[in-house]
Amino acid sequence: SDIHCQLMDDLQTLKLDQCNGDIVEFPLSGVAKVYRLVQSDGKLYTTSLSSTLPFAASAPYQSCEFIVVVDFLRRKLAFVFKELVAS
């Protein structure tokens, strides 16, 4: 499902509107880790946010989903993108 996401003007808070009347705010000071996963052919691959993809020659990007995980102490937010540049 789609969720509206907004970075507040102070660049310190991420606000998520779940489109059901609930708005959840996440203070970015609570982020412990950010990492990217790539899903291709039902398998997940771990990559650093700045690295090239190790399987790029064998798996075309069109069949991949790029997942950015923002890891807080008690929960994780996952953002799924169809394009590498967007992730």
Protein backbone atom coordinates (compact mmCIF):
# COMPACT_ATOMS: atom_id res chain seq x y z
CA SER A 1 0.00 0.00 0.00
CA ASP A 2 1.09 3.57 -0.60
CA ILE A 3 2.08 5.78 2.30
CA HIS A 4 2.79 9.49 2.04
CA CYS A 5 6.20 10.36 3.50
CA GLN A 6 7.45 13.88 4.29
CA LEU A 7 10.75 15.16 5.65
CA MET A 8 9.94 18.12 7.87
CA ASP A 9 11.48 21.56 7.28
CA ASP A 10 13.88 21.13 10.22
CA LEU A 11 15.32 17.99 8.52
CA GLN A 12 15.07 16.25 11.90
CA THR A 13 11.72 14.48 11.62
CA LEU A 14 10.22 12.06 9.10
CA LYS A 15 6.43 12.15 9.01
CA LEU A 16 4.42 9.22 7.61
CA ASP A 17 0.76 9.58 6.70
CA GLN A 18 -0.74 6.10 6.47
CA CYS A 19 -3.78 7.42 4.55
CA ASN A 20 -6.14 6.16 7.25
CA GLY A 21 -6.09 9.21 9.52
CA ASP A 22 -2.93 8.16 11.37
CA ILE A 23 0.22 10.27 11.09
CA VAL A 24 3.38 8.89 12.67
CA GLU A 25 6.47 11.00 13.28
CA PHE A 26 9.96 9.52 13.48
CA PRO A 27 12.81 11.62 14.91
CA LEU A 28 15.81 11.05 12.66
CA SER A 29 18.12 11.36 15.67
CA GLY A 30 16.87 7.87 16.57
CA VAL A 31 18.21 6.25 13.39
CA ALA A 32 20.73 3.55 14.24
CA LYS A 33 21.50 2.36 10.71
CA VAL A 34 20.49 2.81 7.06
CA TYR A 35 21.12 0.08 4.50
CA ARG A 36 19.93 -1.14 1.13
CA LEU A 37 18.67 -4.55 0.07
CA VAL A 38 18.05 -5.59 -3.50
CA GLN A 39 15.42 -8.19 -4.34
CA SER A 40 15.89 -10.08 -7.59
CA ASP A 41 14.22 -13.33 -8.59
CA GLY A 42 12.83 -13.76 -5.08
CA LYS A 43 16.26 -13.47 -3.43
CA LEU A 44 17.52 -10.65 -1.22
CA TYR A 45 21.02 -9.22 -1.61
CA THR A 46 22.70 -6.86 0.83
CA THR A 47 24.64 -3.91 -0.55
CA SER A 48 26.07 -0.75 0.91
CA LEU A 49 24.33 2.46 -0.13
CA SER A 50 27.41 3.59 -2.03
CA SER A 51 28.56 0.33 -3.62
CA THR A 52 27.90 -1.04 -7.04
CA LEU A 53 25.68 -4.08 -7.17
CA PRO A 54 27.62 -7.37 -7.18
CA PHE A 55 25.12 -9.18 -9.39
CA ALA A 56 24.56 -6.40 -11.93
CA ALA A 57 25.81 -8.46 -14.87
CA SER A 58 23.54 -11.43 -14.15
CA ALA A 59 20.32 -9.68 -13.07
CA PRO A 60 18.85 -6.86 -15.12
CA TYR A 61 17.70 -3.88 -13.07
CA GLN A 62 14.23 -4.05 -14.59
CA SER A 63 13.45 -7.16 -12.54
CA CYS A 64 14.84 -5.76 -9.27
CA GLU A 65 13.29 -3.97 -6.32
CA PHE A 66 15.58 -1.68 -4.34
CA ILE A 67 14.74 -1.56 -0.63
CA VAL A 68 16.16 1.10 1.67
CA VAL A 69 15.80 0.19 5.34
CA VAL A 70 15.92 2.86 8.03
CA ASP A 71 16.67 1.05 11.28
CA PHE A 72 15.49 2.66 14.53
CA LEU A 73 15.98 1.13 17.97
CA ARG A 74 12.52 -0.46 18.15
CA ARG A 75 11.33 -0.58 14.56
CA LYS A 76 12.40 -0.50 10.96
CA LEU A 77 11.00 1.42 8.02
CA ALA A 78 11.43 -0.06 4.56
CA PHE A 79 11.10 2.03 1.41
CA VAL A 80 10.75 0.07 -1.84
CA PHE A 81 11.84 1.59 -5.16
CA LYS A 82 11.72 0.22 -8.70
CA GLU A 83 14.73 2.32 -9.82
CA LEU A 84 18.30 2.19 -8.49
CA VAL A 85 18.72 5.97 -8.84
CA ALA A 86 15.68 6.64 -6.68
CA SER A 87 16.96 4.38 -3.91
